[in-house]
Amino acid sequence: MNSLDAVPAIRRIDTNRDALFAIDVVGDVSPADAENLFGLLEAAYALHPRIDVLVRLTDHGSIDWKSISQETLRQGAAHVLEHAVRCAAIGDPAWASYVQAFFPRSLPFEFRHFDSDDEPSAWRWLGARPV
């Protein structure tokens, strides 16, 4: 299978809230997936300068951080810090801690972790639901 046939590891979740950016992370995340994620976030920021974010880890594989442009990672993190209001991470606590460690210790947005079996609480916290 070539890269054009590969199923993206990061997939948007449609919700009932316009200012909520929700994604599913499934399997191995490639550099192309990371670039796509940051592009999707940029589009969300253009529509809504302040957004909530939900990240659901469905079937975590690996992330090849070294193959992702450091500039892309720096810009992506800076933009999340600028635009995010609340972030809900659903899934493995070790993974959520790793994501949180990507950002400064003091976050300018609320960050909460929810276990997979407590996903409905994450949606309630954000005042949204998948559609």
Protein backbone atom coordinates (compact mmCIF):
# COMPACT_ATOMS: atom_id res chain seq x y z
CA MET A 1 0.00 0.00 0.00
CA ASN A 2 1.40 3.43 -0.86
CA SER A 3 0.92 6.55 1.26
CA LEU A 4 -1.97 7.76 -0.90
CA ASP A 5 -3.90 4.61 -0.02
CA ALA A 6 -3.18 4.81 3.72
CA VAL A 7 -6.07 5.57 6.05
CA PRO A 8 -5.35 8.70 8.11
CA ALA A 9 -4.56 8.02 11.76
CA ILE A 10 -6.09 11.34 12.82
CA ARG A 11 -9.76 11.66 11.94
CA ARG A 12 -12.21 14.49 12.59
CA ILE A 13 -15.26 13.72 14.71
CA ASP A 14 -18.35 15.67 13.67
CA THR A 15 -20.04 17.34 16.64
CA ASN A 16 -23.03 19.50 17.41
CA ARG A 17 -20.76 22.48 18.31
CA ASP A 18 -19.00 24.63 15.73
CA ALA A 19 -16.30 25.83 18.14
CA LEU A 20 -15.28 22.30 19.18
CA PHE A 21 -12.45 20.59 17.31
CA ALA A 22 -12.75 16.85 17.96
CA ILE A 23 -10.48 14.11 16.63
CA ASP A 24 -9.95 10.38 16.91
CA VAL A 25 -6.36 9.09 16.93
CA VAL A 26 -6.28 5.55 15.55
CA GLY A 27 -3.09 3.56 15.02
CA ASP A 28 0.30 4.88 13.94
CA VAL A 29 0.58 8.64 13.39
CA SER A 30 2.78 9.58 10.44
CA PRO A 31 4.38 12.95 9.71
CA ALA A 32 1.71 13.47 7.04
CA ASP A 33 -1.00 12.88 9.68
CA ALA A 34 0.63 15.49 11.95
CA GLU A 35 0.84 18.03 9.11
CA ASN A 36 -2.82 17.36 8.28
CA LEU A 37 -3.82 17.79 11.94
CA PHE A 38 -2.16 21.19 12.20
CA GLY A 39 -3.77 22.25 8.90
CA LEU A 40 -7.21 21.24 10.17
CA LEU A 41 -6.57 23.16 13.39
CA GLU A 42 -5.56 26.27 11.41
CA ALA A 43 -8.86 26.08 9.52
CA ALA A 44 -10.74 25.77 12.82
CA TYR A 45 -8.93 28.83 14.24
CA ALA A 46 -9.83 30.84 11.14
CA LEU A 47 -13.52 30.15 11.81
CA HIS A 48 -13.38 30.39 15.62
CA PRO A 49 -10.47 32.22 17.28
CA ARG A 50 -11.19 30.40 20.57
CA ILE A 51 -12.00 26.68 20.46
CA ASP A 52 -12.39 23.67 22.69
CA VAL A 53 -10.50 20.50 21.70
CA LEU A 54 -11.36 16.84 22.24
CA VAL A 55 -8.78 14.14 21.48
CA ARG A 56 -9.99 10.56 21.65
CA LEU A 57 -7.32 7.90 21.60
CA THR A 58 -9.07 4.88 20.11
CA ASP A 59 -6.27 2.48 19.24
CA HIS A 60 -2.92 4.09 19.88
CA GLY A 61 0.00 2.99 17.81
CA SER A 62 3.12 5.10 17.61
CA ILE A 63 4.08 8.64 16.68
CA ASP A 64 7.29 9.21 14.76
CA TRP A 65 8.14 12.56 16.45
CA LYS A 66 11.63 12.73 14.93
CA SER A 67 10.25 12.67 11.38
CA ILE A 68 7.85 15.55 12.02
CA SER A 69 9.28 18.96 11.28
CA GLN A 70 10.33 20.68 14.51
CA GLU A 71 9.05 23.96 13.10
CA THR A 72 5.66 22.36 12.48
CA LEU A 73 5.58 21.08 16.06
CA ARG A 74 6.62 24.47 17.50
CA GLN A 75 4.06 26.39 15.47
CA GLY A 76 1.33 23.84 16.16
CA ALA A 77 1.92 23.97 19.92
CA ALA A 78 2.07 27.79 19.93
CA HIS A 79 -1.23 28.04 18.06
CA VAL A 80 -2.97 25.58 20.38
CA LEU A 81 -1.76 27.63 23.35
CA GLU A 82 -3.14 30.77 21.71
CA HIS A 83 -6.54 29.43 20.62
CA ALA A 84 -7.61 26.60 22.95
CA VAL A 85 -10.01 27.25 25.83
CA ARG A 86 -10.48 23.68 27.09
CA CYS A 87 -8.98 20.36 26.05
CA ALA A 88 -10.39 16.93 26.87
CA ALA A 89 -8.13 13.91 26.32
CA ILE A 90 -9.89 10.54 26.29
CA GLY A 91 -7.96 7.28 26.59
CA ASP A 92 -4.84 5.84 28.16
CA PRO A 93 -3.61 8.05 31.05
CA ALA A 94 0.05 7.56 30.05
CA TRP A 95 -0.71 8.93 26.57
CA ALA A 96 -2.63 11.91 27.97
CA SER A 97 0.29 12.73 30.27
CA TYR A 98 2.65 12.60 27.28
CA VAL A 99 0.45 15.04 25.34
CA GLN A 100 0.24 17.37 28.32
CA ALA A 101 4.04 17.22 28.71
CA PHE A 102 4.34 18.58 25.15
CA PHE A 103 3.08 21.93 26.50
CA PRO A 104 4.42 24.24 29.22
CA ARG A 105 3.67 23.25 32.81
CA SER A 106 1.27 26.17 33.24
CA LEU A 107 -1.37 25.96 30.52
CA PRO A 108 -3.46 28.93 29.41
CA PHE A 109 -6.37 26.50 28.85
CA GLU A 110 -8.14 23.88 30.95
CA PHE A 111 -6.91 20.33 30.37
CA ARG A 112 -8.71 17.25 31.63
CA HIS A 113 -8.09 13.56 31.09
CA PHE A 114 -10.97 11.07 30.89
CA ASP A 115 -10.64 7.29 30.83
CA SER A 116 -12.13 5.58 27.77
CA ASP A 117 -15.05 4.23 29.81
CA ASP A 118 -15.81 7.78 31.00
CA GLU A 119 -16.01 9.35 27.52
CA PRO A 120 -19.58 10.65 28.06
CA SER A 121 -18.24 12.85 30.89
CA ALA A 122 -15.74 14.46 28.49
CA TRP A 123 -18.51 15.33 26.05
CA ARG A 124 -20.65 16.72 28.88
CA TRP A 125 -17.74 18.80 30.16
CA LEU A 126 -17.42 20.37 26.71
CA GLY A 127 -21.19 20.77 26.32
CA ALA A 128 -21.23 18.76 23.12
CA ARG A 129 -21.95 15.41 21.54
CA PRO A 130 -20.76 13.58 18.44
CA VAL A 131 -23.16 13.56 15.49
